[in-house]
Protein backbone atom coordinates (compact mmCIF):
# COMPACT_ATOMS: atom_id res chain seq x y z
CA MET A 1 0.50 21.28 -6.34
CA HIS A 2 1.80 23.27 -9.21
CA GLY A 3 4.09 22.51 -12.17
CA GLN A 4 4.37 19.30 -13.72
CA TYR A 5 2.27 17.26 -11.01
CA PHE A 6 -0.83 19.82 -11.36
CA GLN A 7 -2.57 17.72 -13.88
CA LEU A 8 -2.21 14.53 -11.72
CA TYR A 9 -3.62 16.19 -8.75
CA PHE A 10 -6.51 17.66 -10.83
CA ASN A 11 -7.18 13.95 -12.24
CA ARG A 12 -7.49 12.94 -8.75
CA LEU A 13 -9.97 15.59 -7.68
CA GLN A 14 -12.11 15.00 -10.68
CA ALA A 15 -12.25 11.09 -10.02
CA LEU A 16 -12.82 11.38 -6.07
CA LYS A 17 -14.90 14.43 -5.74
CA PRO A 18 -18.20 12.89 -6.83
CA ARG A 19 -17.45 10.19 -4.13
CA ALA A 20 -16.79 12.65 -1.56
CA ARG A 21 -20.04 14.65 -2.45
CA GLU A 22 -21.97 11.29 -2.33
CA ALA A 23 -20.62 10.81 1.21
CA ALA A 24 -21.25 14.30 2.28
CA ARG A 25 -25.13 14.14 1.13
CA ALA A 26 -25.37 10.78 2.93
CA ARG A 27 -24.27 12.28 6.21
CA TRP A 28 -25.17 15.97 6.04
CA PRO A 29 -28.31 15.59 3.54
CA THR A 30 -29.54 19.11 4.36
CA MET A 31 -26.08 20.91 4.29
CA PRO A 32 -25.21 23.18 1.27
CA THR A 33 -22.07 22.59 -0.66
CA ARG A 34 -19.76 25.51 -1.64
CA ALA A 35 -16.82 26.00 -3.48
CA VAL A 36 -14.11 27.71 -1.55
CA LEU A 37 -14.44 31.17 -3.51
CA GLU A 38 -18.19 30.86 -2.65
CA LEU A 39 -17.66 30.86 1.11
CA CYS A 40 -19.57 33.24 3.42
CA GLU A 41 -18.51 34.20 6.90
CA ASP A 42 -20.29 32.04 9.71
CA GLU A 43 -22.47 30.04 7.07
CA ALA A 44 -22.51 26.29 7.73
CA CYS A 45 -21.59 24.48 4.75
CA VAL A 46 -19.61 21.77 3.05
CA ILE A 47 -16.50 21.94 0.95
CA VAL A 48 -14.99 19.36 -1.38
CA GLY A 49 -11.62 19.38 -2.23
CA THR A 50 -7.87 18.11 -1.60
CA ILE A 51 -5.93 18.31 1.62
CA TYR A 52 -2.48 20.02 1.45
CA LYS A 53 -0.59 19.36 4.85
CA ASP A 54 2.02 22.10 5.76
CA MET A 55 4.90 20.19 7.86
CA LYS A 56 7.94 22.21 9.10
CA ASP A 57 9.75 18.86 9.19
CA LYS A 58 8.92 17.55 5.58
CA PRO A 59 12.06 16.69 3.62
CA ILE A 60 12.71 18.48 0.43
CA ILE A 61 13.73 16.44 -2.30
CA LEU A 62 15.67 19.55 -3.87
CA ASP A 63 18.08 19.16 -0.87
CA GLU A 64 19.51 15.93 -2.53
CA TYR A 65 21.13 18.26 -5.27
CA VAL A 66 22.82 20.38 -2.81
CA LYS A 67 25.87 18.08 -2.54
CA GLY A 68 28.99 18.64 -4.85
CA TYR A 69 28.90 22.54 -3.60
CA GLY A 70 31.36 22.43 -0.63
CA GLU A 71 31.76 20.13 2.50
CA GLU A 72 29.35 22.67 4.42
CA ALA A 73 26.63 22.16 1.86
CA GLU A 74 27.26 18.36 1.58
CA GLY A 75 27.11 17.95 5.38
CA ALA A 76 23.71 19.79 5.21
CA ALA A 77 22.51 17.53 2.43
CA ALA A 78 23.40 14.41 4.35
CA THR A 79 21.67 15.68 7.58
CA THR A 80 18.54 16.28 5.58
CA ARG A 81 18.65 12.61 3.95
CA GLU A 82 18.48 10.96 7.09
CA GLU A 83 15.82 8.59 7.39
CA ARG A 84 13.11 9.18 10.30
CA ALA A 85 10.35 7.18 11.49
CA THR A 86 8.02 10.22 11.45
CA TYR A 87 8.29 13.77 10.43
CA THR A 88 4.95 14.88 12.24
CA ARG A 89 4.79 17.86 14.52
CA GLU A 90 2.08 19.28 16.91
CA ASP A 91 2.22 22.56 14.95
CA ASP A 92 1.63 20.65 11.41
CA GLY A 93 -1.46 22.29 9.66
CA LEU A 94 -3.97 21.74 7.11
CA GLU A 95 -4.85 23.49 3.77
CA PHE A 96 -7.84 22.76 1.60
CA GLU A 97 -7.80 23.36 -2.01
CA ASP A 98 -10.80 22.72 -4.72
CA GLU A 99 -10.48 23.97 -8.52
CA GLY A 100 -10.70 27.59 -7.65
CA ALA A 101 -8.74 28.50 -4.36
CA ARG A 102 -7.15 27.31 -1.16
CA VAL A 103 -8.24 27.89 2.53
CA LYS A 104 -6.61 26.97 5.95
CA LEU A 105 -8.47 24.24 7.94
CA LEU A 106 -8.97 24.79 11.67
CA GLY A 107 -10.34 22.44 14.27
CA VAL A 108 -9.37 19.24 12.76
CA ASP A 109 -6.38 16.68 13.92
CA ALA A 110 -3.84 17.39 11.32
CA GLY A 111 -1.93 14.15 12.26
CA LYS A 112 -4.60 11.96 10.87
CA PHE A 113 -4.17 13.12 7.34
CA VAL A 114 -1.78 13.53 4.67
CA THR A 115 -1.28 15.68 1.55
CA GLY A 116 -3.51 14.53 -1.49
CA VAL A 117 -6.48 13.13 0.41
CA VAL A 118 -9.76 14.00 -1.28
CA CYS A 119 -12.66 14.60 1.13
CA ALA A 120 -15.48 16.63 2.07
CA VAL A 121 -15.48 18.87 5.33
CA LYS A 122 -18.33 20.56 7.13
CA GLY A 123 -18.00 23.76 8.87
CA LYS A 124 -18.10 27.38 8.56
CA ALA A 125 -15.74 30.16 7.27
CA VAL A 126 -14.32 32.21 10.26
CA LYS A 127 -11.99 35.31 9.48
CA GLY A 128 -10.73 33.92 6.21
CA ASP A 129 -9.96 30.32 7.70
CA PHE A 130 -12.51 27.41 7.74
CA LEU A 131 -13.51 25.80 11.07
CA VAL A 132 -14.23 22.25 10.88
CA ASP A 133 -17.07 20.46 12.48
CA ASP A 134 -16.68 17.04 10.67
CA VAL A 135 -14.82 15.39 7.68
CA VAL A 136 -15.91 12.61 5.52
CA ALA A 137 -13.88 10.96 2.70
CA TYR A 138 -15.34 7.55 2.29
CA ALA A 139 -18.52 6.73 0.21
CA PRO A 140 -19.94 3.30 -0.13
CA PRO A 141 -18.59 2.00 -3.31
CA THR A 142 -20.82 1.40 -6.24
CA THR A 143 -18.35 -0.60 -8.38
CA GLY A 144 -17.26 -2.89 -5.68
CA GLU A 145 -17.34 -6.82 -5.87
CA ALA A 146 -20.56 -8.27 -4.54
CA LYS A 147 -20.30 -11.26 -2.23
CA LYS A 148 -20.47 -14.79 -3.82
CA SER A 149 -23.40 -16.73 -3.49
CA LYS A 150 -22.84 -20.45 -1.94
CA SER A 151 -23.43 -21.55 -5.60
CA GLU A 152 -20.89 -19.44 -7.24
CA ALA A 153 -18.32 -20.22 -4.45
CA SER A 154 -15.87 -22.94 -5.18
CA THR A 155 -16.47 -26.14 -3.57
CA ALA A 156 -12.86 -26.70 -3.17
CA THR A 157 -10.44 -24.69 -0.77
CA LYS A 158 -8.07 -22.62 -2.87
CA TYR A 159 -5.48 -20.48 -1.20
CA VAL A 160 -3.52 -17.63 -2.53
CA CYS A 161 -0.25 -17.38 -0.83
CA LEU A 162 1.16 -13.66 -0.10
CA VAL A 163 4.85 -13.36 1.05
CA SER A 164 7.13 -10.74 0.63
CA GLY A 165 10.85 -9.47 1.56
CA PHE A 166 13.16 -12.64 0.88
CA GLU A 167 15.70 -9.89 0.55
CA ILE A 168 18.30 -12.14 -1.16
CA GLY A 169 21.88 -11.14 -1.49
CA GLY A 170 22.90 -10.74 2.13
CA ASN A 171 24.93 -14.33 2.32
CA ASP A 172 23.13 -15.61 5.09
CA ALA A 173 23.27 -19.33 4.86
CA ALA A 174 20.20 -19.54 7.39
CA ALA A 175 17.99 -17.50 5.35
CA SER A 176 18.78 -19.36 2.13
CA ALA A 177 17.63 -22.74 4.02
CA ARG A 178 14.69 -20.91 5.26
CA ASN A 179 13.67 -19.83 1.68
CA GLN A 180 14.44 -23.28 0.38
CA MET A 181 11.84 -24.43 3.20
CA PHE A 182 9.17 -22.36 1.60
CA VAL A 183 9.66 -23.30 -1.91
CA ASP A 184 9.65 -27.01 -0.78
CA TYR A 185 6.38 -26.55 0.97
CA VAL A 186 4.52 -24.72 -1.90
CA THR A 187 5.91 -27.21 -4.46
CA GLY A 188 4.88 -30.20 -2.24
CA ALA A 189 8.31 -31.36 -1.56
CA SER A 190 7.93 -30.99 2.36
CA ILE A 191 5.81 -29.60 5.01
CA ALA A 192 6.06 -26.28 6.81
CA TYR A 193 7.00 -26.13 10.55
CA GLY A 194 5.61 -23.64 12.88
CA ASP A 195 2.49 -22.88 15.28
CA GLU A 196 0.04 -24.48 12.89
CA SER A 197 2.15 -27.15 11.36
CA PRO A 198 0.16 -27.29 8.17
CA SER A 199 -0.42 -30.51 6.25
CA ASP A 200 0.67 -31.29 2.71
CA SER A 201 -2.94 -30.96 1.68
CA ASP A 202 -2.85 -27.48 2.57
CA ALA A 203 -0.01 -26.59 0.34
CA ALA A 204 -1.66 -28.54 -2.63
CA LYS A 205 -4.59 -25.90 -2.20
CA ILE A 206 -2.31 -22.97 -3.06
CA CYS A 207 -3.60 -21.86 -6.71
CA ARG A 208 -1.30 -18.59 -6.90
CA VAL A 209 1.70 -17.03 -5.13
CA ILE A 210 2.01 -13.24 -4.84
CA ILE A 211 5.69 -12.00 -3.90
CA ALA A 212 4.79 -8.49 -2.80
CA GLY A 213 8.31 -6.95 -3.47
CA GLY A 214 11.72 -7.03 -1.46
CA THR A 215 12.93 -9.92 -3.42
CA MET A 216 16.48 -8.73 -3.36
CA ASP A 217 18.70 -6.85 -1.02
CA LEU A 218 22.31 -6.06 -1.95
CA LYS A 219 23.06 -3.53 0.58
CA THR A 220 24.10 -6.37 3.24
CA SER A 221 26.26 -8.28 1.07
CA SER A 222 30.20 -8.10 1.88
CA GLU A 223 31.11 -9.11 -1.81
CA GLU A 224 31.68 -6.45 -4.64
CA PRO A 225 28.55 -5.14 -5.87
CA SER A 226 28.69 -7.00 -9.46
CA ALA A 227 29.46 -10.40 -7.66
CA ALA A 228 26.72 -9.85 -5.27
CA THR A 229 24.30 -9.04 -7.74
CA SER A 230 25.11 -11.87 -9.98
CA GLU A 231 24.98 -14.59 -7.21
CA ALA A 232 21.52 -12.97 -5.55
CA LEU A 233 20.13 -13.03 -9.24
CA LYS A 234 21.15 -16.56 -9.74
CA GLU A 235 19.60 -17.88 -6.50
CA LEU A 236 16.45 -15.95 -6.91
CA ASP A 237 16.22 -17.23 -10.44
CA ILE A 238 16.32 -20.84 -9.15
CA MET A 239 13.80 -20.08 -6.32
CA LEU A 240 11.39 -18.58 -8.62
CA ALA A 241 11.96 -21.39 -11.46
CA GLU A 242 10.97 -23.89 -8.73
CA LEU A 243 7.82 -22.31 -7.56
CA ALA A 244 6.76 -21.51 -11.32
CA SER A 245 7.11 -25.11 -11.88
CA ALA A 246 4.25 -25.87 -9.49
CA VAL A 247 2.07 -22.93 -9.27
CA PRO A 248 1.56 -19.52 -10.99
CA VAL A 249 3.63 -16.92 -9.44
CA ASP A 250 3.39 -12.97 -9.62
CA VAL A 251 6.41 -11.23 -8.63
CA MET A 252 5.84 -7.79 -7.72
CA SER A 253 8.70 -4.93 -7.76
CA GLY A 254 9.74 -3.51 -4.60
CA LYS A 255 11.84 -0.97 -2.84
CA THR A 256 15.04 -2.87 -2.92
CA ASP A 257 14.56 -4.50 -6.11
CA PRO A 258 16.70 -3.53 -9.41
CA THR A 259 13.74 -1.65 -11.09
CA ASN A 260 12.64 2.12 -11.20
CA LYS A 261 12.13 4.05 -7.74
CA ALA A 262 9.02 5.96 -8.58
CA MET A 263 5.60 4.66 -8.36
CA PRO A 264 4.07 2.84 -10.00
CA GLN A 265 7.19 0.49 -10.32
CA GLN A 266 7.57 -1.40 -13.44
CA PRO A 267 8.02 -4.96 -13.49
CA LEU A 268 11.45 -6.51 -13.05
CA HIS A 269 13.18 -7.39 -16.27
CA PRO A 270 12.88 -11.05 -17.48
CA VAL A 271 16.38 -10.89 -18.64
CA TYR A 272 17.52 -11.28 -14.62
CA PHE A 273 15.74 -14.55 -14.62
CA PRO A 274 16.56 -16.92 -17.49
CA GLU A 275 15.37 -20.11 -15.95
CA ALA A 276 12.33 -19.11 -14.36
CA SER A 277 11.30 -17.20 -17.65
CA LYS A 278 11.06 -20.38 -19.46
CA TYR A 279 7.55 -20.95 -17.43
CA GLU A 280 5.80 -18.17 -19.62
CA LYS A 281 2.37 -19.22 -18.54
CA THR A 282 3.07 -19.36 -14.50
CA MET A 283 5.96 -17.11 -14.26
CA CYS A 284 4.46 -13.36 -14.07
CA LEU A 285 6.63 -10.14 -13.26
CA VAL A 286 4.22 -7.63 -12.49
CA THR A 287 3.93 -3.77 -11.43
CA ASN A 288 3.74 -2.38 -7.74
CA PRO A 289 0.86 -1.68 -7.34
CA HIS A 290 -0.66 -4.90 -8.48
CA ASP A 291 -4.34 -5.56 -9.34
CA LEU A 292 -5.62 -8.89 -10.19
CA THR A 293 -8.65 -11.59 -10.11
CA VAL A 294 -8.40 -14.93 -8.89
CA ASP A 295 -11.39 -16.99 -9.25
CA GLN A 296 -13.71 -13.90 -8.91
CA THR A 297 -11.89 -12.51 -5.94
CA SER A 298 -10.28 -9.31 -6.41
CA PHE A 299 -7.03 -8.75 -5.13
CA LEU A 300 -5.13 -5.15 -4.81
CA GLY A 301 -2.00 -4.92 -3.25
CA THR A 302 1.48 -3.01 -2.95
CA SER A 303 5.04 -3.46 -1.70
CA GLY A 304 4.64 -1.59 1.07
CA GLN A 305 5.95 1.93 0.08
CA ASN A 306 2.54 3.65 0.58
CA VAL A 307 2.08 2.09 4.21
CA GLU A 308 5.60 3.27 5.18
CA ASP A 309 4.79 6.87 3.63
CA VAL A 310 1.55 7.14 5.35
CA MET A 311 3.11 6.23 8.78
CA LYS A 312 5.95 8.72 8.42
CA PHE A 313 3.85 11.58 7.61
CA SER A 314 0.82 11.12 9.76
CA THR A 315 -0.04 10.12 13.47
CA ILE A 316 -2.42 6.99 12.38
CA ASP A 317 -1.26 4.55 15.03
CA ALA A 318 -2.34 1.16 16.63
CA ASP A 319 -5.48 2.79 18.30
CA ASP A 320 -6.90 3.36 14.71
CA VAL A 321 -7.52 -0.30 13.90
CA SER A 322 -10.79 -1.98 14.51
CA SER A 323 -11.87 -4.67 16.95
CA ALA A 324 -11.69 -7.19 14.13
CA PHE A 325 -7.85 -6.80 13.97
CA VAL A 326 -5.96 -9.87 14.54
CA GLY A 327 -2.09 -10.33 14.35
CA ALA A 328 1.08 -9.10 16.23
CA ALA A 329 0.82 -5.66 17.86
CA ALA A 330 3.71 -4.43 15.54
CA ALA A 331 1.34 -4.72 12.56
CA LYS A 332 -1.51 -2.78 13.92
CA ARG A 333 -0.30 0.40 12.78
CA PRO A 334 0.60 -0.74 9.25
CA VAL A 335 -2.91 -2.35 9.03
CA ALA A 336 -4.41 0.96 10.20
CA ALA A 337 -2.74 3.03 7.63
CA LEU A 338 -3.48 0.47 4.94
CA THR A 339 -7.01 0.68 5.86
CA GLN A 340 -7.12 4.52 6.02
CA THR A 341 -5.82 4.40 2.28
CA LEU A 342 -8.68 2.28 1.47
CA ARG A 343 -11.36 4.40 3.04
CA TRP A 344 -9.62 7.49 1.31
CA GLN A 345 -9.97 5.25 -1.86
CA HIS A 346 -6.70 6.18 -2.99
CA ILE A 347 -3.53 3.62 -2.62
CA ALA A 348 -0.94 6.35 -2.33
CA PRO A 349 -2.26 9.65 -1.69
CA GLY A 350 1.31 11.21 -0.44
CA ALA A 351 2.41 10.99 -4.00
CA PRO A 352 3.99 12.78 -5.56
CA ASP A 353 4.40 15.19 -2.20
CA THR A 354 6.17 12.67 -0.14
CA LEU A 355 6.37 9.52 -2.31
CA ALA A 356 7.94 9.74 -5.57
CA CYS A 357 5.72 8.92 -8.53
CA TYR A 358 5.70 9.48 -12.38
CA PRO A 359 3.76 12.64 -13.51
CA PHE A 360 0.79 11.20 -15.14
CA LYS A 361 -0.94 13.91 -17.05
CA ASP A 362 -4.39 11.73 -18.09
CA ARG A 363 -5.03 10.04 -15.01
CA ASP A 364 -4.24 9.25 -11.46
CA PRO A 365 -3.47 5.64 -11.56
CA PHE A 366 -3.54 5.42 -7.79
CA VAL A 367 -7.35 5.84 -7.42
CA ILE A 368 -9.08 2.74 -6.09
CA GLU A 369 -11.53 2.53 -9.02
CA ARG A 370 -13.14 -0.87 -7.63
CA THR A 371 -13.05 -2.10 -4.02
CA PRO A 372 -10.93 -5.09 -3.62
CA ARG A 373 -11.88 -8.26 -1.61
CA VAL A 374 -8.29 -8.47 -0.56
CA TYR A 375 -6.03 -5.39 0.09
CA PHE A 376 -2.43 -6.37 1.04
CA ALA A 377 0.99 -4.57 1.71
CA GLY A 378 4.30 -6.35 1.46
CA CYS A 379 7.51 -5.67 3.44
CA GLN A 380 5.95 -5.11 7.06
CA ASP A 381 7.57 -5.85 10.32
CA ALA A 382 4.82 -8.26 11.34
CA PHE A 383 1.57 -9.98 10.25
CA GLY A 384 -1.54 -8.73 10.81
CA TYR A 385 -5.19 -8.51 9.32
CA GLU A 386 -8.62 -7.01 9.65
CA ARG A 387 -12.09 -7.31 8.06
CA VAL A 388 -13.22 -3.86 6.81
CA SER A 389 -17.13 -3.39 6.29
CA HIS A 390 -18.64 -1.44 3.46
CA ASP A 391 -22.19 -1.36 2.85
CA PRO A 392 -24.04 -4.68 3.42
CA ALA A 393 -27.23 -3.34 2.24
CA ALA A 394 -25.78 -2.68 -1.09
CA GLY A 395 -24.44 -6.01 -1.63
CA VAL A 396 -20.65 -4.74 -1.21
CA ALA A 397 -18.53 -7.26 0.34
CA ASP A 398 -16.13 -6.66 3.11
CA THR A 399 -12.53 -6.27 2.06
CA LEU A 400 -9.79 -8.36 4.05
CA VAL A 401 -6.69 -5.93 4.76
CA VAL A 402 -3.55 -7.67 5.15
CA ALA A 403 0.02 -6.64 6.35
CA VAL A 404 2.49 -9.22 4.71
CA PRO A 405 5.61 -9.26 6.59
CA LYS A 406 9.07 -9.58 5.62
CA PHE A 407 10.11 -13.23 5.22
CA SER A 408 13.78 -12.56 5.84
CA SER A 409 13.14 -11.32 9.48
CA THR A 410 10.01 -13.18 10.34
CA GLY A 411 9.86 -16.42 8.30
CA ILE A 412 6.03 -15.84 7.70
CA ALA A 413 4.03 -16.29 4.62
CA VAL A 414 0.30 -15.83 4.54
CA LEU A 415 -2.32 -18.06 3.11
CA VAL A 416 -6.05 -16.56 2.15
CA ASP A 417 -8.78 -18.49 1.28
CA ILE A 418 -10.24 -16.89 -1.78
CA ASP A 419 -13.81 -17.85 -0.91
CA THR A 420 -14.28 -17.37 2.95
CA LEU A 421 -11.30 -14.72 2.94
CA SER A 422 -9.98 -16.63 6.17
CA CYS A 423 -6.51 -15.61 6.64
CA ARG A 424 -3.50 -17.13 8.61
CA SER A 425 0.07 -17.24 8.72
CA ILE A 426 2.55 -19.92 8.34
CA GLN A 427 6.05 -19.66 9.93
CA PHE A 428 9.21 -21.48 8.61
CA LEU A 429 11.83 -21.86 11.30
């Protein structure tokens, strides 16, 4: 946590430390709070700081630069760069750092955390380490959005359509036909076919479409890169122009899209979409993450890199979802990971340790400043959602957490009712 990213971690701690202290006071009202440098042997107390996860198998970004220094070195770099589903091991350990010092944590499951989480831990110092009894990171938000009263809620049903992962660029005729079915449904040119067979009236209630990344994927094309890029952009431009002619569209950047790879990702450039960009009022190229409000209902979402990162560097799994989960089994772990980032009050705690991000010096842009009504992640393997409860007594509304699947592999889009937060999928076959 040193060098050019020190200020980012420091700003994160300053933003989230008061919340962690509040959570600690609520759970352990009589327990004293100490700085790491103030720890006394065997004194029961609370410390507040940032977790650092010591992982033997964590990839090192500098290994990328080994290439070019001989065949042996290049082979080592290639091995290091291999993608893995997880980098966790049973002997992973946790350390805890505040503004003054760092201490090793004992007695806590390291697998359930990632580097960068700000929290409060209760325990005692034992031989220079800290033996943990309990951990709390989540404090009931005070800046969250209150529930709408019946008089404030819209009388007419309105949906926000969440979709992701079109991955245009693979020269797949079936995929292109399915993409057009989605466009025709949203624009009212046809109905969707699938389990629920929604009517034309459902499409007419869509007030906004959010495309959560993954619009392009040129890796699967058999053409030359320049030709593949041109054809994919043309197809995507026409598709977005049709959508924007009927409804406001937010196009988020994603992992496979032509923009910067570090988070937060900048919007795709309008030069890519000469036809769609003519719809200046309804065609919106936006960042990843994306924060917006639709008729007083707040949405916050990403294109999925944060969820992928948490799953790679933790053992958060399907068992960590609540009984409120609805959806495919394959979506349980992504929903659990996304829900945990909500409770950590940080979109991407792994940035910059395991997820590339820009070295901000004045703030941490991934801190969740207000609790959203809808929190989503795109480009997942399957569809699923759950309602996360906060503090009803304080008037803080529940949050709907949604895993939005890749359209290219599932043909699924998601409809969210902005008043009731009811959520359902539509499948295009």
